[in-house]
Amino acid sequence: MAPAASLGEWPSLIRNTFLTQTKNNAGITGVKLFMRGKPYVISVDDNLAFFNTSHYNQSDYGGGGPVFAFLSKDNRTIWGAVLEKAYAKLHGNYRKLSGGFLENGIRSLTGAPISSYEISELRNEDRVFDLLKAADSANNIITLNSFLKQWSWFNGCGLVNFHAYSLLSVFNMTDTNNTNFGCLLIRNPWGEEPYYNTSFNSSSSRWTDSLVAQVPFGIDPRTSQ
């Protein structure tokens, strides 16, 4: 779901993935996905699997949350769950969607060529930031993966290990002392905890109104996770 969330930065790309644009009595949606660069039309119905009892605190669903992709908070937006169902059908079942490589997800959604990098190979934080910023400025779809060789649920920043994230923006902030900070704005497709817990986390005293004003999309990190 992280590649789909990254694609969501451009609503038209998500919209064009769905060939069925209006509601129909049959409840059938045509979804365009790619395999080996070739487009395929996958037809799915609107039946989604739900747990019988409350799960992951999704009590808003009246008895139990979705087994797979969650709906929106207001229960009105289901495109993520329908897209995931089509992707599962293309690959055989939902189990095939567990894990995998982010580049395959983007390629399946767009048919576009993909480049991938390992930070350990680049060996330089400034080079990594410059590479990401150039890609972001070019309006590339970017995803990130957290990985530690030694098993742990979370890394030192509070991010989930072996987990995928969407990169929404690469930007710089400058404080009143003209100190420059290179920042990444990332999104957890889970839409919930755990949260980043080191420099400039939501509780950090380093945030000022001036710095918050430099965060893209009008996001206030002090009140938004």
Protein backbone atom coordinates (compact mmCIF):
# COMPACT_ATOMS: atom_id res chain seq x y z
CA MET A 1 0.00 0.00 0.00
CA ALA A 2 2.98 2.36 0.40
CA PRO A 3 3.42 2.70 -3.41
CA ALA A 4 -0.31 3.45 -3.75
CA ALA A 5 -0.07 6.06 -0.99
CA SER A 6 2.89 7.63 -2.79
CA LEU A 7 0.93 7.64 -6.03
CA GLY A 8 -1.83 9.47 -4.15
CA GLU A 9 0.23 12.67 -4.32
CA TRP A 10 -1.11 12.88 -7.87
CA PRO A 11 -4.87 12.19 -7.61
CA SER A 12 -5.19 11.95 -11.40
CA LEU A 13 -2.84 8.93 -11.43
CA ILE A 14 -4.99 7.13 -8.88
CA ARG A 15 -8.16 8.14 -10.71
CA ASN A 16 -6.82 6.84 -14.03
CA THR A 17 -6.07 3.47 -12.43
CA PHE A 18 -9.82 2.96 -11.99
CA LEU A 19 -11.50 2.39 -15.34
CA THR A 20 -14.92 2.38 -13.65
CA GLN A 21 -15.52 5.96 -12.59
CA THR A 22 -19.17 5.75 -11.53
CA LYS A 23 -21.16 3.55 -9.17
CA ASN A 24 -23.02 0.65 -10.77
CA ASN A 25 -25.63 -1.74 -9.45
CA ALA A 26 -23.41 -4.76 -10.05
CA GLY A 27 -20.75 -3.35 -7.75
CA ILE A 28 -18.01 -4.17 -10.29
CA THR A 29 -14.91 -2.03 -10.73
CA GLY A 30 -12.35 -2.30 -13.51
CA VAL A 31 -8.79 -1.57 -12.38
CA LYS A 32 -5.81 -1.10 -14.70
CA LEU A 33 -2.57 -2.65 -13.45
CA PHE A 34 0.69 -3.56 -15.14
CA MET A 35 2.71 -6.76 -15.26
CA ARG A 36 6.09 -6.75 -17.04
CA GLY A 37 5.12 -3.41 -18.55
CA LYS A 38 1.92 -4.72 -20.12
CA PRO A 39 -1.42 -3.27 -18.94
CA TYR A 40 -4.10 -5.63 -17.65
CA VAL A 41 -7.70 -4.87 -16.71
CA ILE A 42 -8.67 -6.55 -13.45
CA SER A 43 -12.36 -6.72 -12.55
CA VAL A 44 -13.31 -6.95 -8.88
CA ASP A 45 -16.54 -6.64 -6.92
CA ASP A 46 -17.09 -4.44 -3.88
CA ASN A 47 -17.22 -7.25 -1.31
CA LEU A 48 -14.52 -6.73 1.32
CA ALA A 49 -13.48 -8.99 4.19
CA PHE A 50 -14.13 -7.71 7.73
CA PHE A 51 -13.36 -9.17 11.14
CA ASN A 52 -16.35 -10.26 13.22
CA THR A 53 -15.16 -8.33 16.26
CA SER A 54 -13.32 -5.07 16.79
CA HIS A 55 -9.77 -5.27 15.50
CA TYR A 56 -6.94 -2.75 15.69
CA ASN A 57 -9.35 -0.32 17.42
CA GLN A 58 -11.37 0.04 14.21
CA SER A 59 -14.64 0.11 16.17
CA ASP A 60 -16.09 2.71 13.78
CA TYR A 61 -16.90 -0.10 11.38
CA GLY A 62 -19.61 -1.45 13.68
CA GLY A 63 -18.30 -4.80 14.86
CA GLY A 64 -14.87 -5.20 13.31
CA GLY A 65 -12.27 -3.63 11.08
CA PRO A 66 -11.26 -4.67 7.56
CA VAL A 67 -8.98 -7.70 7.33
CA PHE A 68 -6.73 -5.96 4.82
CA ALA A 69 -6.53 -2.29 3.75
CA PHE A 70 -8.50 0.05 6.02
CA LEU A 71 -11.12 2.42 4.72
CA SER A 72 -10.96 6.17 5.29
CA LYS A 73 -11.77 7.55 8.72
CA ASP A 74 -15.24 8.59 7.59
CA ASN A 75 -15.90 5.17 5.99
CA ARG A 76 -16.71 6.88 2.68
CA THR A 77 -13.50 6.19 0.73
CA ILE A 78 -12.74 2.61 -0.25
CA TRP A 79 -10.48 2.98 -3.28
CA GLY A 80 -7.45 1.73 -1.33
CA ALA A 81 -9.19 -1.48 -0.36
CA VAL A 82 -10.55 -2.04 -3.89
CA LEU A 83 -7.13 -1.38 -5.43
CA GLU A 84 -5.53 -3.83 -3.03
CA LYS A 85 -8.13 -6.45 -3.92
CA ALA A 86 -7.41 -6.03 -7.63
CA TYR A 87 -3.67 -6.31 -6.99
CA ALA A 88 -4.24 -9.48 -4.96
CA LYS A 89 -6.33 -10.94 -7.79
CA LEU A 90 -3.60 -10.15 -10.32
CA HIS A 91 -0.99 -11.97 -8.23
CA GLY A 92 -3.15 -14.85 -7.01
CA ASN A 93 -4.18 -13.97 -3.44
CA TYR A 94 -3.65 -11.54 -0.57
CA ARG A 95 -0.79 -13.60 0.87
CA LYS A 96 1.31 -12.70 -2.18
CA LEU A 97 1.05 -9.05 -1.14
CA SER A 98 2.81 -9.56 2.19
CA GLY A 99 6.30 -8.07 1.98
CA GLY A 100 7.99 -7.76 -1.39
CA PHE A 101 9.82 -4.93 -3.10
CA LEU A 102 8.46 -1.39 -3.30
CA GLU A 103 9.66 -0.91 -6.85
CA ASN A 104 7.44 -3.78 -7.98
CA GLY A 105 4.42 -2.03 -6.49
CA ILE A 106 5.13 1.24 -8.30
CA ARG A 107 5.83 -0.62 -11.54
CA SER A 108 2.53 -2.51 -11.22
CA LEU A 109 0.60 0.72 -10.71
CA THR A 110 2.25 2.81 -13.42
CA GLY A 111 4.14 0.56 -15.83
CA ALA A 112 7.01 3.04 -15.52
CA PRO A 113 10.71 2.13 -15.20
CA ILE A 114 12.08 2.18 -11.66
CA SER A 115 15.42 3.04 -10.02
CA SER A 116 16.31 1.80 -6.55
CA TYR A 117 19.19 2.57 -4.20
CA GLU A 118 20.56 1.25 -0.94
CA ILE A 119 21.75 3.99 1.40
CA SER A 120 24.67 1.80 2.50
CA GLU A 121 25.92 1.80 -1.08
CA LEU A 122 25.79 5.60 -1.40
CA ARG A 123 27.86 5.96 1.80
CA ASN A 124 27.22 9.68 2.21
CA GLU A 125 24.20 11.36 3.86
CA ASP A 126 24.53 14.52 1.76
CA ARG A 127 24.59 12.46 -1.42
CA VAL A 128 21.47 10.58 -0.32
CA PHE A 129 19.64 13.83 0.46
CA ASP A 130 20.67 15.47 -2.82
CA LEU A 131 19.56 12.40 -4.77
CA LEU A 132 16.17 12.34 -3.04
CA LYS A 133 15.67 16.07 -3.43
CA ALA A 134 16.43 15.91 -7.16
CA ALA A 135 13.97 13.04 -7.57
CA ASP A 136 11.31 14.90 -5.57
CA SER A 137 11.84 18.09 -7.60
CA ALA A 138 11.34 16.01 -10.76
CA ASN A 139 7.98 14.81 -9.37
CA ASN A 140 9.15 11.22 -9.11
CA ILE A 141 7.11 8.74 -7.08
CA ILE A 142 9.31 7.86 -4.09
CA THR A 143 9.02 5.16 -1.46
CA LEU A 144 11.37 4.22 1.38
CA ASN A 145 12.09 1.00 3.21
CA SER A 146 13.45 0.71 6.76
CA PHE A 147 15.86 -2.14 7.31
CA LEU A 148 18.15 -3.31 10.10
CA LYS A 149 20.37 -6.36 9.77
CA GLN A 150 19.75 -7.20 13.42
CA TRP A 151 16.10 -8.03 14.07
CA SER A 152 14.08 -5.46 15.99
CA TRP A 153 10.50 -4.23 15.69
CA PHE A 154 11.65 -0.61 15.54
CA ASN A 155 14.81 1.22 14.55
CA GLY A 156 16.52 3.93 16.59
CA CYS A 157 14.21 6.61 15.17
CA GLY A 158 11.02 4.86 16.24
CA LEU A 159 10.21 3.73 12.69
CA VAL A 160 8.96 0.21 12.06
CA ASN A 161 11.72 -2.12 10.87
CA PHE A 162 11.24 -3.98 7.58
CA HIS A 163 8.44 -1.59 6.70
CA ALA A 164 7.52 0.59 3.74
CA TYR A 165 6.91 4.34 3.83
CA SER A 166 5.84 6.95 1.29
CA LEU A 167 8.11 9.94 0.81
CA LEU A 168 5.89 12.99 0.37
CA SER A 169 8.47 15.76 0.27
CA VAL A 170 12.20 16.52 0.54
CA PHE A 171 12.81 20.02 1.84
CA ASN A 172 15.11 22.34 3.77
CA MET A 173 14.36 24.46 6.82
CA THR A 174 16.41 27.38 8.10
CA ASP A 175 16.19 28.67 11.67
CA THR A 176 16.88 32.17 12.99
CA ASN A 177 20.59 31.33 13.31
CA ASN A 178 20.70 30.45 9.60
CA THR A 179 21.23 26.80 10.47
CA ASN A 180 20.00 24.62 7.63
CA PHE A 181 18.16 21.34 8.20
CA GLY A 182 17.58 18.81 5.44
CA CYS A 183 14.25 17.07 6.10
CA LEU A 184 12.13 14.25 4.73
CA LEU A 185 8.35 14.24 5.08
CA ILE A 186 7.30 10.59 5.09
CA ARG A 187 4.00 8.81 5.61
CA ASN A 188 3.29 5.48 7.26
CA PRO A 189 0.64 3.67 5.17
CA TRP A 190 -0.71 2.20 8.41
CA GLY A 191 -1.88 5.71 9.30
CA GLU A 192 -1.20 5.08 12.98
CA GLU A 193 1.51 4.54 15.57
CA PRO A 194 4.42 4.09 16.03
CA TYR A 195 5.85 7.52 15.41
CA TYR A 196 9.23 9.08 14.73
CA ASN A 197 10.83 9.88 18.09
CA THR A 198 14.14 11.72 17.58
CA SER A 199 15.10 15.21 16.32
CA PHE A 200 12.10 17.35 15.36
CA ASN A 201 9.51 14.83 16.50
CA SER A 202 6.05 16.15 17.35
CA SER A 203 6.99 16.86 20.98
CA SER A 204 10.34 18.49 20.23
CA SER A 205 10.99 21.91 21.73
CA ARG A 206 13.03 22.78 18.62
CA TRP A 207 9.91 23.55 16.63
CA THR A 208 9.12 27.24 16.21
CA ASP A 209 6.35 28.91 14.25
CA SER A 210 8.96 30.00 11.70
CA LEU A 211 10.16 26.43 11.13
CA VAL A 212 6.63 25.02 11.00
CA ALA A 213 5.80 27.55 8.26
CA GLN A 214 8.51 25.94 6.12
CA VAL A 215 6.98 22.45 6.29
CA PRO A 216 5.20 21.53 3.01
CA PHE A 217 1.45 21.05 2.60
CA GLY A 218 0.65 23.29 5.57
CA ILE A 219 1.40 20.45 8.01
CA ASP A 220 2.12 21.39 11.62
CA PRO A 221 4.36 18.60 12.99
CA ARG A 222 3.51 19.66 16.53
CA THR A 223 -0.09 18.57 16.12
CA SER A 224 0.16 16.06 13.24
CA GLN A 225 1.84 12.67 13.52
